[in-house]
Amino acid sequence: MVKKTKYTGPKKRFFHPRQRSLCTMGEAMTEFVSTLDGKNKLRLAKLWKAWPDLMGELAEFAKPLGHRKTTLILAAEDSVAAQELTYFAPEILLRINSFFGEEVFDKVLFELLNGRVPLGGYELQRTHFQRAKVKNPGNIGGMKDKFDPESAVGRCYLKYVRLFENS
C-alpha cells in the first residue's frame, strides 16, 4: 500500500551563510568572535590584562587559565595554595563581577598549574624584518626608448628603472 502525502507547495529555499551579501572585515570578525565567545565578546581579554591590578596580592597566587560558561578557572602553583585560595573565592568573584559591572561568573574552580602557562603569562616576541637589499643591475635604463611608454610593458619597465634610480 502506498502512503499518500499532502502536497504543501514549493519548499522554502535556505541559503548557505556564505551566500549572504558582502560585509566589511570588521563586521565579519565581530560576528565570528561573537559566535566563539558567546555573549562575553572579548570582555575576558580585558580582564586578563587587568588581572594584576584587579587582584593585587592574590594575583601572585591565582593565575587565570580560562573559563567554562559561568565558571572561572584559576591556577595555583601547588595544592596547599589552591586550598587556601578557595577561602578567597567569594572575594575574587566580587572583584571580577564588579569589574564587569554585572554577574559574569558565579563559581571559581582552582586547578594546579602543572606546567601550563596562564593566560597572562604569554609574551609575544615581535620579529623585526629587515628589507632585503636589492642588487642594482649594471646596465639599467638602456632600453627606455625601445618600449612604447603608453603600453603596459613600457610602463612596467619605466617603473622598474625608477625603482633603482631612486634607491
C-alpha atoms as a PDB file:
ATOM      1  CA  MET A   1       0.000   0.000   0.000  1.00  0.00           C
ATOM      2  CA  VAL A   2       1.396   3.402  -0.999  1.00  0.00           C
ATOM      3  CA  LYS A   3       1.105   6.132   1.567  1.00  0.00           C
ATOM      4  CA  LYS A   4      -0.003   9.430   0.068  1.00  0.00           C
ATOM      5  CA  THR A   5       1.304  12.685   1.478  1.00  0.00           C
ATOM      6  CA  LYS A   6      -0.411  16.009   1.241  1.00  0.00           C
ATOM      7  CA  TYR A   7       1.207  18.491  -1.172  1.00  0.00           C
ATOM      8  CA  THR A   8       2.092  21.681   0.684  1.00  0.00           C
ATOM      9  CA  GLY A   9       3.535  23.731  -2.168  1.00  0.00           C
ATOM     10  CA  PRO A  10       7.111  24.570  -3.080  1.00  0.00           C
ATOM     11  CA  LYS A  11       9.788  24.063  -0.468  1.00  0.00           C
ATOM     12  CA  LYS A  12      11.360  27.096   1.118  1.00  0.00           C
ATOM     13  CA  ARG A  13      14.853  27.735  -0.108  1.00  0.00           C
ATOM     14  CA  PHE A  14      17.512  28.189   2.536  1.00  0.00           C
ATOM     15  CA  PHE A  15      20.700  29.998   1.652  1.00  0.00           C
ATOM     16  CA  HIS A  16      24.107  28.986   2.860  1.00  0.00           C
ATOM     17  CA  PRO A  17      25.707  31.577   5.201  1.00  0.00           C
ATOM     18  CA  ARG A  18      28.409  32.291   2.620  1.00  0.00           C
ATOM     19  CA  GLN A  19      25.778  33.382   0.104  1.00  0.00           C
ATOM     20  CA  ARG A  20      24.807  36.448   2.096  1.00  0.00           C
ATOM     21  CA  SER A  21      25.715  39.944   0.982  1.00  0.00           C
ATOM     22  CA  LEU A  22      29.244  41.242   1.325  1.00  0.00           C
ATOM     23  CA  CYS A  23      30.353  42.882   4.554  1.00  0.00           C
ATOM     24  CA  THR A  24      33.478  44.565   5.825  1.00  0.00           C
ATOM     25  CA  MET A  25      36.264  42.640   7.512  1.00  0.00           C
ATOM     26  CA  GLY A  26      35.438  44.299  10.847  1.00  0.00           C
ATOM     27  CA  GLU A  27      31.834  43.152  10.670  1.00  0.00           C
ATOM     28  CA  ALA A  28      32.884  39.635   9.717  1.00  0.00           C
ATOM     29  CA  MET A  29      35.421  39.394  12.559  1.00  0.00           C
ATOM     30  CA  THR A  30      32.893  40.723  15.080  1.00  0.00           C
ATOM     31  CA  GLU A  31      30.369  38.102  14.007  1.00  0.00           C
ATOM     32  CA  PHE A  32      32.993  35.340  14.064  1.00  0.00           C
ATOM     33  CA  VAL A  33      34.333  36.244  17.513  1.00  0.00           C
ATOM     34  CA  SER A  34      30.857  36.644  18.991  1.00  0.00           C
ATOM     35  CA  THR A  35      29.925  33.134  17.851  1.00  0.00           C
ATOM     36  CA  LEU A  36      33.046  31.754  19.513  1.00  0.00           C
ATOM     37  CA  ASP A  37      32.825  33.797  22.697  1.00  0.00           C
ATOM     38  CA  GLY A  38      29.087  33.817  23.214  1.00  0.00           C
ATOM     39  CA  LYS A  39      27.771  36.952  24.831  1.00  0.00           C
ATOM     40  CA  ASN A  40      31.049  37.957  26.507  1.00  0.00           C
ATOM     41  CA  LYS A  41      32.503  39.326  23.249  1.00  0.00           C
ATOM     42  CA  LEU A  42      36.139  39.600  24.263  1.00  0.00           C
ATOM     43  CA  ARG A  43      35.471  41.175  27.636  1.00  0.00           C
ATOM     44  CA  LEU A  44      37.617  38.457  29.174  1.00  0.00           C
ATOM     45  CA  ALA A  45      40.695  39.705  27.340  1.00  0.00           C
ATOM     46  CA  LYS A  46      40.337  42.975  29.237  1.00  0.00           C
ATOM     47  CA  LEU A  47      40.068  41.005  32.482  1.00  0.00           C
ATOM     48  CA  TRP A  48      43.277  39.100  31.813  1.00  0.00           C
ATOM     49  CA  LYS A  49      45.142  42.334  31.084  1.00  0.00           C
ATOM     50  CA  ALA A  50      43.816  43.971  34.257  1.00  0.00           C
ATOM     51  CA  TRP A  51      44.366  40.862  36.397  1.00  0.00           C
ATOM     52  CA  PRO A  52      47.413  42.054  38.436  1.00  0.00           C
ATOM     53  CA  ASP A  53      45.809  45.417  39.243  1.00  0.00           C
ATOM     54  CA  LEU A  54      42.417  43.889  39.975  1.00  0.00           C
ATOM     55  CA  MET A  55      43.609  41.106  42.273  1.00  0.00           C
ATOM     56  CA  GLY A  56      46.515  42.845  43.980  1.00  0.00           C
ATOM     57  CA  GLU A  57      48.459  40.395  46.193  1.00  0.00           C
ATOM     58  CA  LEU A  58      46.228  37.482  45.165  1.00  0.00           C
ATOM     59  CA  ALA A  59      47.447  37.797  41.566  1.00  0.00           C
ATOM     60  CA  GLU A  60      50.731  36.103  42.503  1.00  0.00           C
ATOM     61  CA  PHE A  61      48.948  33.002  43.780  1.00  0.00           C
ATOM     62  CA  ALA A  62      45.902  32.730  41.496  1.00  0.00           C
ATOM     63  CA  LYS A  63      46.579  32.955  37.784  1.00  0.00           C
ATOM     64  CA  PRO A  64      43.800  32.867  35.167  1.00  0.00           C
ATOM     65  CA  LEU A  65      43.586  29.764  32.986  1.00  0.00           C
ATOM     66  CA  GLY A  66      40.207  30.314  31.332  1.00  0.00           C
ATOM     67  CA  HIS A  67      36.511  29.782  31.853  1.00  0.00           C
ATOM     68  CA  ARG A  68      33.717  27.328  31.158  1.00  0.00           C
ATOM     69  CA  LYS A  69      30.413  29.145  30.814  1.00  0.00           C
ATOM     70  CA  THR A  70      29.991  30.869  34.203  1.00  0.00           C
ATOM     71  CA  THR A  71      32.851  29.079  35.970  1.00  0.00           C
ATOM     72  CA  LEU A  72      36.161  30.898  36.221  1.00  0.00           C
ATOM     73  CA  ILE A  73      39.202  28.606  36.140  1.00  0.00           C
ATOM     74  CA  LEU A  74      42.243  29.769  38.079  1.00  0.00           C
ATOM     75  CA  ALA A  75      45.596  28.063  38.523  1.00  0.00           C
ATOM     76  CA  ALA A  76      47.677  27.631  41.639  1.00  0.00           C
ATOM     77  CA  GLU A  77      51.294  26.523  41.948  1.00  0.00           C
ATOM     78  CA  ASP A  78      50.625  23.762  44.496  1.00  0.00           C
ATOM     79  CA  SER A  79      47.736  22.066  46.236  1.00  0.00           C
ATOM     80  CA  VAL A  80      48.194  23.964  49.519  1.00  0.00           C
ATOM     81  CA  ALA A  81      47.879  27.302  47.705  1.00  0.00           C
ATOM     82  CA  ALA A  82      44.803  26.029  45.844  1.00  0.00           C
ATOM     83  CA  GLN A  83      43.196  25.002  49.126  1.00  0.00           C
ATOM     84  CA  GLU A  84      43.905  28.367  50.731  1.00  0.00           C
ATOM     85  CA  LEU A  85      42.623  30.220  47.669  1.00  0.00           C
ATOM     86  CA  THR A  86      39.237  28.539  47.947  1.00  0.00           C
ATOM     87  CA  TYR A  87      38.625  30.722  51.003  1.00  0.00           C
ATOM     88  CA  PHE A  88      39.148  33.802  48.824  1.00  0.00           C
ATOM     89  CA  ALA A  89      36.717  32.646  46.101  1.00  0.00           C
ATOM     90  CA  PRO A  90      33.864  34.979  47.172  1.00  0.00           C
ATOM     91  CA  GLU A  91      36.250  37.944  47.215  1.00  0.00           C
ATOM     92  CA  ILE A  92      37.628  37.016  43.780  1.00  0.00           C
ATOM     93  CA  LEU A  93      34.120  36.704  42.335  1.00  0.00           C
ATOM     94  CA  LEU A  94      33.112  40.041  43.852  1.00  0.00           C
ATOM     95  CA  ARG A  95      36.114  41.840  42.343  1.00  0.00           C
ATOM     96  CA  ILE A  96      35.686  40.282  38.910  1.00  0.00           C
ATOM     97  CA  ASN A  97      31.934  40.810  38.675  1.00  0.00           C
ATOM     98  CA  SER A  98      32.312  44.418  39.837  1.00  0.00           C
ATOM     99  CA  PHE A  99      34.994  44.839  37.126  1.00  0.00           C
ATOM    100  CA  PHE A 100      32.418  43.787  34.526  1.00  0.00           C
ATOM    101  CA  GLY A 101      29.542  45.658  36.171  1.00  0.00           C
ATOM    102  CA  GLU A 102      27.352  42.553  36.114  1.00  0.00           C
ATOM    103  CA  GLU A 103      27.458  38.949  37.289  1.00  0.00           C
ATOM    104  CA  VAL A 104      29.501  37.078  34.696  1.00  0.00           C
ATOM    105  CA  PHE A 105      30.911  34.307  36.893  1.00  0.00           C
ATOM    106  CA  ASP A 106      29.184  32.506  39.734  1.00  0.00           C
ATOM    107  CA  LYS A 107      31.826  29.905  40.604  1.00  0.00           C
ATOM    108  CA  VAL A 108      35.614  29.677  40.837  1.00  0.00           C
ATOM    109  CA  LEU A 109      37.476  26.448  40.126  1.00  0.00           C
ATOM    110  CA  PHE A 110      41.108  26.115  41.191  1.00  0.00           C
ATOM    111  CA  GLU A 111      43.408  23.753  39.312  1.00  0.00           C
ATOM    112  CA  LEU A 112      47.096  23.023  39.630  1.00  0.00           C
ATOM    113  CA  LEU A 113      49.289  24.725  37.070  1.00  0.00           C
ATOM    114  CA  ASN A 114      51.190  21.514  36.167  1.00  0.00           C
ATOM    115  CA  GLY A 115      53.374  23.170  33.537  1.00  0.00           C
ATOM    116  CA  ARG A 116      50.533  25.026  31.826  1.00  0.00           C
ATOM    117  CA  VAL A 117      51.042  28.683  31.018  1.00  0.00           C
ATOM    118  CA  PRO A 118      48.412  31.020  32.470  1.00  0.00           C
ATOM    119  CA  LEU A 119      46.661  33.459  30.156  1.00  0.00           C
ATOM    120  CA  GLY A 120      48.661  36.414  31.385  1.00  0.00           C
ATOM    121  CA  GLY A 121      51.925  34.507  31.024  1.00  0.00           C
ATOM    122  CA  TYR A 122      52.259  34.677  27.268  1.00  0.00           C
ATOM    123  CA  GLU A 123      54.584  37.321  25.942  1.00  0.00           C
ATOM    124  CA  LEU A 124      54.612  37.721  22.219  1.00  0.00           C
ATOM    125  CA  GLN A 125      58.016  38.328  20.710  1.00  0.00           C
ATOM    126  CA  ARG A 126      57.806  40.535  17.673  1.00  0.00           C
ATOM    127  CA  THR A 127      60.092  39.621  14.857  1.00  0.00           C
ATOM    128  CA  HIS A 128      61.742  42.553  13.157  1.00  0.00           C
ATOM    129  CA  PHE A 129      62.306  42.097   9.472  1.00  0.00           C
ATOM    130  CA  GLN A 130      64.913  43.982   7.540  1.00  0.00           C
ATOM    131  CA  ARG A 131      64.301  44.866   3.968  1.00  0.00           C
ATOM    132  CA  ALA A 132      66.293  42.798   1.578  1.00  0.00           C
ATOM    133  CA  LYS A 133      68.975  44.740  -0.225  1.00  0.00           C
ATOM    134  CA  VAL A 134      68.242  44.830  -3.909  1.00  0.00           C
ATOM    135  CA  LYS A 135      71.282  44.340  -6.102  1.00  0.00           C
ATOM    136  CA  ASN A 136      71.438  47.077  -8.689  1.00  0.00           C
ATOM    137  CA  PRO A 137      71.763  45.647 -12.181  1.00  0.00           C
ATOM    138  CA  GLY A 138      74.681  47.083 -14.101  1.00  0.00           C
ATOM    139  CA  ASN A 139      73.119  48.392 -17.303  1.00  0.00           C
ATOM    140  CA  ILE A 140      69.667  49.635 -16.346  1.00  0.00           C
ATOM    141  CA  GLY A 141      67.607  52.028 -18.401  1.00  0.00           C
ATOM    142  CA  GLY A 142      69.345  51.294 -21.655  1.00  0.00           C
ATOM    143  CA  MET A 143      66.107  50.151 -23.265  1.00  0.00           C
ATOM    144  CA  LYS A 144      63.880  53.124 -22.318  1.00  0.00           C
ATOM    145  CA  ASP A 145      63.440  54.215 -25.922  1.00  0.00           C
ATOM    146  CA  LYS A 146      62.768  50.671 -27.174  1.00  0.00           C
ATOM    147  CA  PHE A 147      59.341  50.401 -25.490  1.00  0.00           C
ATOM    148  CA  ASP A 148      56.209  52.467 -26.035  1.00  0.00           C
ATOM    149  CA  PRO A 149      55.765  54.410 -22.727  1.00  0.00           C
ATOM    150  CA  GLU A 150      51.966  54.093 -23.060  1.00  0.00           C
ATOM    151  CA  SER A 151      51.969  50.290 -23.266  1.00  0.00           C
ATOM    152  CA  ALA A 152      51.730  48.075 -20.212  1.00  0.00           C
ATOM    153  CA  VAL A 153      55.197  46.630 -20.801  1.00  0.00           C
ATOM    154  CA  GLY A 154      56.690  50.100 -21.283  1.00  0.00           C
ATOM    155  CA  ARG A 155      55.106  51.459 -18.096  1.00  0.00           C
ATOM    156  CA  CYS A 156      56.318  48.409 -16.180  1.00  0.00           C
ATOM    157  CA  TYR A 157      59.862  48.802 -17.482  1.00  0.00           C
ATOM    158  CA  LEU A 158      59.962  52.512 -16.618  1.00  0.00           C
ATOM    159  CA  LYS A 159      58.713  51.755 -13.119  1.00  0.00           C
ATOM    160  CA  TYR A 160      61.433  49.109 -12.777  1.00  0.00           C
ATOM    161  CA  VAL A 161      64.102  51.613 -13.868  1.00  0.00           C
ATOM    162  CA  ARG A 162      62.799  54.252 -11.403  1.00  0.00           C
ATOM    163  CA  LEU A 163      62.998  51.666  -8.599  1.00  0.00           C
ATOM    164  CA  PHE A 164      66.775  51.521  -8.985  1.00  0.00           C
ATOM    165  CA  GLU A 165      67.273  55.197  -9.808  1.00  0.00           C
ATOM    166  CA  ASN A 166      65.543  56.294  -6.588  1.00  0.00           C
ATOM    167  CA  SER A 167      67.475  53.905  -4.328  1.00  0.00           C
END
